[in-house]
């Protein structure tokens, strides 16, 4: 029995410079551009995406760091223990 997995495809347009940058990330002629994108670009909402955002922001306003830490700490305390 032979099963085929259907994957939806989308066509995108890249200028020459963008194409060359994407092509440079390929790990060989057999790797697809889809594989490159999935390997290099983190999914939105993941820790990888957050880290990428923080690294690309560079010099930023640190005045709200304490507020962010407070909100994170409150969420950590308010979370229920899933094992009880």
PDB file of N, CA and C in Angstrom:
ATOM      1  N   UNK A   1       0.852  -1.180   0.000  1.00  0.00           N
ATOM      2  CA  UNK A   1       0.000   0.000   0.000  1.00  0.00           C
ATOM      3  C   UNK A   1       0.893   1.237   0.000  1.00  0.00           C
ATOM      4  N   UNK A   2       0.652   2.110  -0.913  1.00  0.00           N
ATOM      5  CA  UNK A   2       1.457   3.313  -1.070  1.00  0.00           C
ATOM      6  C   UNK A   2       0.637   4.519  -0.635  1.00  0.00           C
ATOM      7  N   UNK A   3       1.156   5.267   0.321  1.00  0.00           N
ATOM      8  CA  UNK A   3       0.467   6.455   0.806  1.00  0.00           C
ATOM      9  C   UNK A   3       1.243   7.703   0.408  1.00  0.00           C
ATOM     10  N   UNK A   4       0.533   8.697  -0.056  1.00  0.00           N
ATOM     11  CA  UNK A   4       1.153   9.966  -0.392  1.00  0.00           C
ATOM     12  C   UNK A   4       0.663  11.015   0.588  1.00  0.00           C
ATOM     13  N   UNK A   5       1.596  11.792   1.073  1.00  0.00           N
ATOM     14  CA  UNK A   5       1.224  12.866   1.996  1.00  0.00           C
ATOM     15  C   UNK A   5       1.144  14.152   1.185  1.00  0.00           C
ATOM     16  N   UNK A   6      -0.024  14.750   1.155  1.00  0.00           N
ATOM     17  CA  UNK A   6      -0.218  15.981   0.403  1.00  0.00           C
ATOM     18  C   UNK A   6       0.136  17.169   1.285  1.00  0.00           C
ATOM     19  N   UNK A   7       1.044  17.986   0.816  1.00  0.00           N
ATOM     20  CA  UNK A   7       1.433  19.193   1.521  1.00  0.00           C
ATOM     21  C   UNK A   7       1.044  20.389   0.663  1.00  0.00           C
ATOM     22  N   UNK A   8       0.311  21.302   1.262  1.00  0.00           N
ATOM     23  CA  UNK A   8      -0.061  22.512   0.526  1.00  0.00           C
ATOM     24  C   UNK A   8       1.167  23.358   0.281  1.00  0.00           C
ATOM     25  N   UNK A   9       1.238  23.950  -0.868  1.00  0.00           N
ATOM     26  CA  UNK A   9       2.368  24.789  -1.258  1.00  0.00           C
ATOM     27  C   UNK A   9       1.879  26.211  -1.508  1.00  0.00           C
ATOM     28  N   UNK A  10       2.756  27.163  -1.272  1.00  0.00           N
ATOM     29  CA  UNK A  10       2.493  28.567  -1.567  1.00  0.00           C
ATOM     30  C   UNK A  10       3.634  29.076  -2.439  1.00  0.00           C
ATOM     31  N   UNK A  11       3.336  29.962  -3.328  1.00  0.00           N
ATOM     32  CA  UNK A  11       4.349  30.596  -4.154  1.00  0.00           C
ATOM     33  C   UNK A  11       4.648  31.965  -3.573  1.00  0.00           C
ATOM     34  N   UNK A  12       5.943  32.253  -3.393  1.00  0.00           N
ATOM     35  CA  UNK A  12       6.347  33.566  -2.896  1.00  0.00           C
ATOM     36  C   UNK A  12       7.307  34.197  -3.901  1.00  0.00           C
ATOM     37  N   UNK A  13       7.418  35.496  -3.842  1.00  0.00           N
ATOM     38  CA  UNK A  13       8.318  36.217  -4.727  1.00  0.00           C
ATOM     39  C   UNK A  13       9.401  36.870  -3.888  1.00  0.00           C
ATOM     40  N   UNK A  14      10.648  36.649  -4.281  1.00  0.00           N
ATOM     41  CA  UNK A  14      11.785  37.255  -3.602  1.00  0.00           C
ATOM     42  C   UNK A  14      12.598  38.043  -4.613  1.00  0.00           C
ATOM     43  N   UNK A  15      13.136  39.181  -4.180  1.00  0.00           N
ATOM     44  CA  UNK A  15      14.060  39.852  -5.079  1.00  0.00           C
ATOM     45  C   UNK A  15      15.379  39.076  -5.063  1.00  0.00           C
ATOM     46  N   UNK A  16      16.283  39.408  -5.939  1.00  0.00           N
ATOM     47  CA  UNK A  16      17.528  38.654  -6.095  1.00  0.00           C
ATOM     48  C   UNK A  16      18.353  38.615  -4.810  1.00  0.00           C
ATOM     49  N   UNK A  17      18.435  39.742  -4.106  1.00  0.00           N
ATOM     50  CA  UNK A  17      19.230  39.797  -2.870  1.00  0.00           C
ATOM     51  C   UNK A  17      18.629  38.889  -1.800  1.00  0.00           C
ATOM     52  N   UNK A  18      17.299  38.902  -1.654  1.00  0.00           N
ATOM     53  CA  UNK A  18      16.634  38.048  -0.658  1.00  0.00           C
ATOM     54  C   UNK A  18      16.818  36.578  -1.012  1.00  0.00           C
ATOM     55  N   UNK A  19      16.703  36.250  -2.292  1.00  0.00           N
ATOM     56  CA  UNK A  19      16.895  34.870  -2.740  1.00  0.00           C
ATOM     57  C   UNK A  19      18.306  34.385  -2.409  1.00  0.00           C
ATOM     58  N   UNK A  20      19.307  35.196  -2.688  1.00  0.00           N
ATOM     59  CA  UNK A  20      20.698  34.807  -2.417  1.00  0.00           C
ATOM     60  C   UNK A  20      20.938  34.611  -0.921  1.00  0.00           C
ATOM     61  N   UNK A  21      20.325  35.452  -0.089  1.00  0.00           N
ATOM     62  CA  UNK A  21      20.473  35.291   1.363  1.00  0.00           C
ATOM     63  C   UNK A  21      19.846  33.990   1.831  1.00  0.00           C
ATOM     64  N   UNK A  22      18.649  33.674   1.322  1.00  0.00           N
ATOM     65  CA  UNK A  22      17.988  32.431   1.699  1.00  0.00           C
ATOM     66  C   UNK A  22      18.791  31.229   1.194  1.00  0.00           C
ATOM     67  N   UNK A  23      19.265  31.316  -0.020  1.00  0.00           N
ATOM     68  CA  UNK A  23      20.046  30.230  -0.619  1.00  0.00           C
ATOM     69  C   UNK A  23      21.328  29.963   0.171  1.00  0.00           C
ATOM     70  N   UNK A  24      21.916  31.008   0.738  1.00  0.00           N
ATOM     71  CA  UNK A  24      23.149  30.863   1.512  1.00  0.00           C
ATOM     72  C   UNK A  24      22.942  30.036   2.775  1.00  0.00           C
ATOM     73  N   UNK A  25      21.714  29.960   3.274  1.00  0.00           N
ATOM     74  CA  UNK A  25      21.409  29.184   4.479  1.00  0.00           C
ATOM     75  C   UNK A  25      21.251  27.695   4.193  1.00  0.00           C
ATOM     76  N   UNK A  26      21.115  27.327   2.918  1.00  0.00           N
ATOM     77  CA  UNK A  26      20.918  25.920   2.577  1.00  0.00           C
ATOM     78  C   UNK A  26      22.153  25.106   2.950  1.00  0.00           C
ATOM     79  N   UNK A  27      21.924  23.907   3.461  1.00  0.00           N
ATOM     80  CA  UNK A  27      23.011  23.017   3.870  1.00  0.00           C
ATOM     81  C   UNK A  27      23.336  22.007   2.773  1.00  0.00           C
ATOM     82  N   UNK A  28      23.088  22.350   1.572  1.00  0.00           N
ATOM     83  CA  UNK A  28      23.358  21.458   0.452  1.00  0.00           C
ATOM     84  C   UNK A  28      22.281  21.600  -0.593  1.00  0.00           C
ATOM     85  N   UNK A  29      22.538  21.056  -1.757  1.00  0.00           N
ATOM     86  CA  UNK A  29      21.604  21.219  -2.875  1.00  0.00           C
ATOM     87  C   UNK A  29      20.300  20.442  -2.666  1.00  0.00           C
ATOM     88  N   UNK A  30      20.313  19.463  -1.774  1.00  0.00           N
ATOM     89  CA  UNK A  30      19.108  18.649  -1.570  1.00  0.00           C
ATOM     90  C   UNK A  30      18.152  19.244  -0.534  1.00  0.00           C
ATOM     91  N   UNK A  31      18.608  20.214   0.257  1.00  0.00           N
ATOM     92  CA  UNK A  31      17.721  20.814   1.257  1.00  0.00           C
ATOM     93  C   UNK A  31      16.778  21.796   0.568  1.00  0.00           C
ATOM     94  N   UNK A  32      15.508  21.707   0.901  1.00  0.00           N
ATOM     95  CA  UNK A  32      14.520  22.604   0.302  1.00  0.00           C
ATOM     96  C   UNK A  32      14.523  23.959   1.020  1.00  0.00           C
ATOM     97  N   UNK A  33      13.995  24.951   0.323  1.00  0.00           N
ATOM     98  CA  UNK A  33      13.869  26.260   0.950  1.00  0.00           C
ATOM     99  C   UNK A  33      12.888  26.206   2.119  1.00  0.00           C
ATOM    100  N   UNK A  34      11.869  25.353   2.022  1.00  0.00           N
ATOM    101  CA  UNK A  34      10.926  25.188   3.136  1.00  0.00           C
ATOM    102  C   UNK A  34      11.661  24.690   4.379  1.00  0.00           C
ATOM    103  N   UNK A  35      12.549  23.737   4.199  1.00  0.00           N
ATOM    104  CA  UNK A  35      13.328  23.216   5.333  1.00  0.00           C
ATOM    105  C   UNK A  35      14.209  24.294   5.939  1.00  0.00           C
ATOM    106  N   UNK A  36      14.796  25.130   5.087  1.00  0.00           N
ATOM    107  CA  UNK A  36      15.648  26.221   5.580  1.00  0.00           C
ATOM    108  C   UNK A  36      14.830  27.178   6.434  1.00  0.00           C
ATOM    109  N   UNK A  37      13.674  27.579   5.937  1.00  0.00           N
ATOM    110  CA  UNK A  37      12.827  28.524   6.675  1.00  0.00           C
ATOM    111  C   UNK A  37      12.415  27.927   8.013  1.00  0.00           C
ATOM    112  N   UNK A  38      11.991  26.665   8.035  1.00  0.00           N
ATOM    113  CA  UNK A  38      11.563  26.026   9.288  1.00  0.00           C
ATOM    114  C   UNK A  38      12.724  25.866  10.266  1.00  0.00           C
ATOM    115  N   UNK A  39      13.932  25.694   9.750  1.00  0.00           N
ATOM    116  CA  UNK A  39      15.099  25.526  10.614  1.00  0.00           C
ATOM    117  C   UNK A  39      15.574  26.864  11.179  1.00  0.00           C
ATOM    118  N   UNK A  40      15.504  27.920  10.386  1.00  0.00           N
ATOM    119  CA  UNK A  40      16.103  29.207  10.763  1.00  0.00           C
ATOM    120  C   UNK A  40      15.123  30.149  11.441  1.00  0.00           C
ATOM    121  N   UNK A  41      13.872  30.149  11.037  1.00  0.00           N
ATOM    122  CA  UNK A  41      12.875  31.094  11.558  1.00  0.00           C
ATOM    123  C   UNK A  41      12.091  30.419  12.683  1.00  0.00           C
ATOM    124  N   UNK A  42      12.145  30.955  13.912  1.00  0.00           N
ATOM    125  CA  UNK A  42      11.373  30.334  14.999  1.00  0.00           C
ATOM    126  C   UNK A  42       9.876  30.579  14.822  1.00  0.00           C
ATOM    127  N   UNK A  43       9.072  29.640  15.329  1.00  0.00           N
ATOM    128  CA  UNK A  43       7.626  29.811  15.275  1.00  0.00           C
ATOM    129  C   UNK A  43       7.217  30.973  16.179  1.00  0.00           C
ATOM    130  N   UNK A  44       6.236  31.777  15.763  1.00  0.00           N
ATOM    131  CA  UNK A  44       5.763  32.872  16.609  1.00  0.00           C
ATOM    132  C   UNK A  44       5.255  32.331  17.946  1.00  0.00           C
ATOM    133  N   UNK A  45       5.541  33.061  19.006  1.00  0.00           N
ATOM    134  CA  UNK A  45       5.060  32.678  20.326  1.00  0.00           C
ATOM    135  C   UNK A  45       5.977  31.720  21.068  1.00  0.00           C
ATOM    136  N   UNK A  46       7.100  31.355  20.460  1.00  0.00           N
ATOM    137  CA  UNK A  46       8.028  30.446  21.115  1.00  0.00           C
ATOM    138  C   UNK A  46       9.121  31.228  21.819  1.00  0.00           C
ATOM    139  N   UNK A  47       9.845  30.551  22.687  1.00  0.00           N
ATOM    140  CA  UNK A  47      10.972  31.180  23.365  1.00  0.00           C
ATOM    141  C   UNK A  47      12.012  31.633  22.342  1.00  0.00           C
ATOM    142  N   UNK A  48      12.188  30.851  21.291  1.00  0.00           N
ATOM    143  CA  UNK A  48      13.127  31.229  20.236  1.00  0.00           C
ATOM    144  C   UNK A  48      12.739  32.535  19.575  1.00  0.00           C
ATOM    145  N   UNK A  49      11.450  32.722  19.338  1.00  0.00           N
ATOM    146  CA  UNK A  49      10.968  33.967  18.737  1.00  0.00           C
ATOM    147  C   UNK A  49      11.186  35.136  19.686  1.00  0.00           C
ATOM    148  N   UNK A  50      10.930  34.921  20.970  1.00  0.00           N
ATOM    149  CA  UNK A  50      11.133  35.979  21.956  1.00  0.00           C
ATOM    150  C   UNK A  50      12.617  36.349  22.037  1.00  0.00           C
ATOM    151  N   UNK A  51      13.487  35.347  22.078  1.00  0.00           N
ATOM    152  CA  UNK A  51      14.927  35.597  22.135  1.00  0.00           C
ATOM    153  C   UNK A  51      15.386  36.354  20.897  1.00  0.00           C
ATOM    154  N   UNK A  52      14.898  35.952  19.741  1.00  0.00           N
ATOM    155  CA  UNK A  52      15.255  36.636  18.505  1.00  0.00           C
ATOM    156  C   UNK A  52      14.817  38.095  18.555  1.00  0.00           C
ATOM    157  N   UNK A  53      13.627  38.351  19.068  1.00  0.00           N
ATOM    158  CA  UNK A  53      13.130  39.713  19.189  1.00  0.00           C
ATOM    159  C   UNK A  53      14.017  40.541  20.120  1.00  0.00           C
ATOM    160  N   UNK A  54      14.345  39.976  21.274  1.00  0.00           N
ATOM    161  CA  UNK A  54      15.177  40.697  22.240  1.00  0.00           C
ATOM    162  C   UNK A  54      16.542  41.014  21.640  1.00  0.00           C
ATOM    163  N   UNK A  55      17.110  40.070  20.917  1.00  0.00           N
ATOM    164  CA  UNK A  55      18.434  40.279  20.333  1.00  0.00           C
ATOM    165  C   UNK A  55      18.407  41.316  19.222  1.00  0.00           C
ATOM    166  N   UNK A  56      17.317  41.396  18.470  1.00  0.00           N
ATOM    167  CA  UNK A  56      17.265  42.336  17.358  1.00  0.00           C
ATOM    168  C   UNK A  56      16.879  43.740  17.787  1.00  0.00           C
ATOM    169  N   UNK A  57      16.246  43.873  18.943  1.00  0.00           N
ATOM    170  CA  UNK A  57      15.844  45.203  19.406  1.00  0.00           C
ATOM    171  C   UNK A  57      17.068  46.050  19.732  1.00  0.00           C
ATOM    172  N   UNK A  58      18.120  45.422  20.244  1.00  0.00           N
ATOM    173  CA  UNK A  58      19.345  46.154  20.551  1.00  0.00           C
ATOM    174  C   UNK A  58      19.168  47.090  21.730  1.00  0.00           C
ATOM    175  N   UNK A  59      19.668  48.313  21.587  1.00  0.00           N
ATOM    176  CA  UNK A  59      19.539  49.303  22.652  1.00  0.00           C
ATOM    177  C   UNK A  59      18.078  49.691  22.784  1.00  0.00           C
ATOM    178  N   UNK A  60      17.551  49.460  23.945  1.00  0.00           N
ATOM    179  CA  UNK A  60      16.139  49.745  24.163  1.00  0.00           C
ATOM    180  C   UNK A  60      15.977  50.449  25.502  1.00  0.00           C
ATOM    181  N   UNK A  61      14.765  50.870  25.744  1.00  0.00           N
ATOM    182  CA  UNK A  61      14.426  51.539  26.991  1.00  0.00           C
ATOM    183  C   UNK A  61      14.291  50.486  28.091  1.00  0.00           C
ATOM    184  N   UNK A  62      15.158  50.541  29.084  1.00  0.00           N
ATOM    185  CA  UNK A  62      15.155  49.554  30.171  1.00  0.00           C
ATOM    186  C   UNK A  62      14.235  49.958  31.328  1.00  0.00           C
ATOM    187  N   UNK A  63      13.497  51.042  31.172  1.00  0.00           N
ATOM    188  CA  UNK A  63      12.683  51.551  32.281  1.00  0.00           C
ATOM    189  C   UNK A  63      11.548  50.598  32.667  1.00  0.00           C
ATOM    190  N   UNK A  64      11.139  49.724  31.767  1.00  0.00           N
ATOM    191  CA  UNK A  64      10.023  48.828  32.069  1.00  0.00           C
ATOM    192  C   UNK A  64      10.487  47.417  32.424  1.00  0.00           C
ATOM    193  N   UNK A  65      11.787  47.213  32.587  1.00  0.00           N
ATOM    194  CA  UNK A  65      12.303  45.887  32.935  1.00  0.00           C
ATOM    195  C   UNK A  65      11.743  45.386  34.265  1.00  0.00           C
ATOM    196  N   UNK A  66      11.674  46.272  35.262  1.00  0.00           N
ATOM    197  CA  UNK A  66      11.155  45.867  36.572  1.00  0.00           C
ATOM    198  C   UNK A  66       9.692  45.439  36.470  1.00  0.00           C
ATOM    199  N   UNK A  67       8.914  46.171  35.675  1.00  0.00           N
ATOM    200  CA  UNK A  67       7.508  45.825  35.486  1.00  0.00           C
ATOM    201  C   UNK A  67       7.382  44.458  34.817  1.00  0.00           C
ATOM    202  N   UNK A  68       8.192  44.203  33.801  1.00  0.00           N
ATOM    203  CA  UNK A  68       8.143  42.908  33.127  1.00  0.00           C
ATOM    204  C   UNK A  68       8.511  41.777  34.079  1.00  0.00           C
ATOM    205  N   UNK A  69       9.533  41.973  34.864  1.00  0.00           N
ATOM    206  CA  UNK A  69       9.940  40.950  35.829  1.00  0.00           C
ATOM    207  C   UNK A  69       8.831  40.691  36.848  1.00  0.00           C
ATOM    208  N   UNK A  70       8.169  41.762  37.298  1.00  0.00           N
ATOM    209  CA  UNK A  70       7.078  41.615  38.270  1.00  0.00           C
ATOM    210  C   UNK A  70       5.925  40.810  37.673  1.00  0.00           C
ATOM    211  N   UNK A  71       5.562  41.092  36.435  1.00  0.00           N
ATOM    212  CA  UNK A  71       4.470  40.372  35.776  1.00  0.00           C
ATOM    213  C   UNK A  71       4.834  38.901  35.601  1.00  0.00           C
ATOM    214  N   UNK A  72       6.064  38.626  35.209  1.00  0.00           N
ATOM    215  CA  UNK A  72       6.512  37.231  35.041  1.00  0.00           C
ATOM    216  C   UNK A  72       6.462  36.497  36.370  1.00  0.00           C
ATOM    217  N   UNK A  73       6.940  37.139  37.423  1.00  0.00           N
ATOM    218  CA  UNK A  73       6.919  36.507  38.744  1.00  0.00           C
ATOM    219  C   UNK A  73       5.493  36.249  39.228  1.00  0.00           C
ATOM    220  N   UNK A  74       4.579  37.175  38.986  1.00  0.00           N
ATOM    221  CA  UNK A  74       3.183  36.984  39.382  1.00  0.00           C
ATOM    222  C   UNK A  74       2.564  35.805  38.637  1.00  0.00           C
ATOM    223  N   UNK A  75       2.855  35.684  37.350  1.00  0.00           N
ATOM    224  CA  UNK A  75       2.310  34.565  36.565  1.00  0.00           C
ATOM    225  C   UNK A  75       2.869  33.247  37.071  1.00  0.00           C
ATOM    226  N   UNK A  76       4.146  33.223  37.446  1.00  0.00           N
ATOM    227  CA  UNK A  76       4.765  31.996  37.934  1.00  0.00           C
ATOM    228  C   UNK A  76       4.111  31.542  39.227  1.00  0.00           C
ATOM    229  N   UNK A  77       3.809  32.479  40.138  1.00  0.00           N
ATOM    230  CA  UNK A  77       3.199  32.151  41.415  1.00  0.00           C
ATOM    231  C   UNK A  77       1.747  31.750  41.221  1.00  0.00           C
ATOM    232  N   UNK A  78       1.048  32.403  40.310  1.00  0.00           N
ATOM    233  CA  UNK A  78      -0.380  32.139  40.145  1.00  0.00           C
ATOM    234  C   UNK A  78      -0.666  30.856  39.377  1.00  0.00           C
ATOM    235  N   UNK A  79       0.304  30.307  38.684  1.00  0.00           N
ATOM    236  CA  UNK A  79       0.082  29.070  37.946  1.00  0.00           C
ATOM    237  C   UNK A  79      -0.162  27.929  38.910  1.00  0.00           C
ATOM    238  N   UNK A  80      -1.107  27.093  38.556  1.00  0.00           N
ATOM    239  CA  UNK A  80      -1.411  25.938  39.382  1.00  0.00           C
ATOM    240  C   UNK A  80      -0.411  24.828  39.102  1.00  0.00           C
ATOM    241  N   UNK A  81      -0.127  24.052  40.113  1.00  0.00           N
ATOM    242  CA  UNK A  81       0.758  22.913  39.955  1.00  0.00           C
ATOM    243  C   UNK A  81      -0.016  21.831  39.186  1.00  0.00           C
ATOM    244  N   UNK A  82       0.459  21.440  37.987  1.00  0.00           N
ATOM    245  CA  UNK A  82      -0.285  20.461  37.189  1.00  0.00           C
ATOM    246  C   UNK A  82      -0.264  19.060  37.771  1.00  0.00           C
ATOM    247  N   UNK A  83       0.558  18.818  38.774  1.00  0.00           N
ATOM    248  CA  UNK A  83       0.705  17.479  39.347  1.00  0.00           C
ATOM    249  C   UNK A  83      -0.167  17.268  40.575  1.00  0.00           C
ATOM    250  N   UNK A  84      -0.884  18.305  40.998  1.00  0.00           N
ATOM    251  CA  UNK A  84      -1.743  18.144  42.177  1.00  0.00           C
ATOM    252  C   UNK A  84      -3.201  18.158  41.803  1.00  0.00           C
TER     253      UNK A  84
END
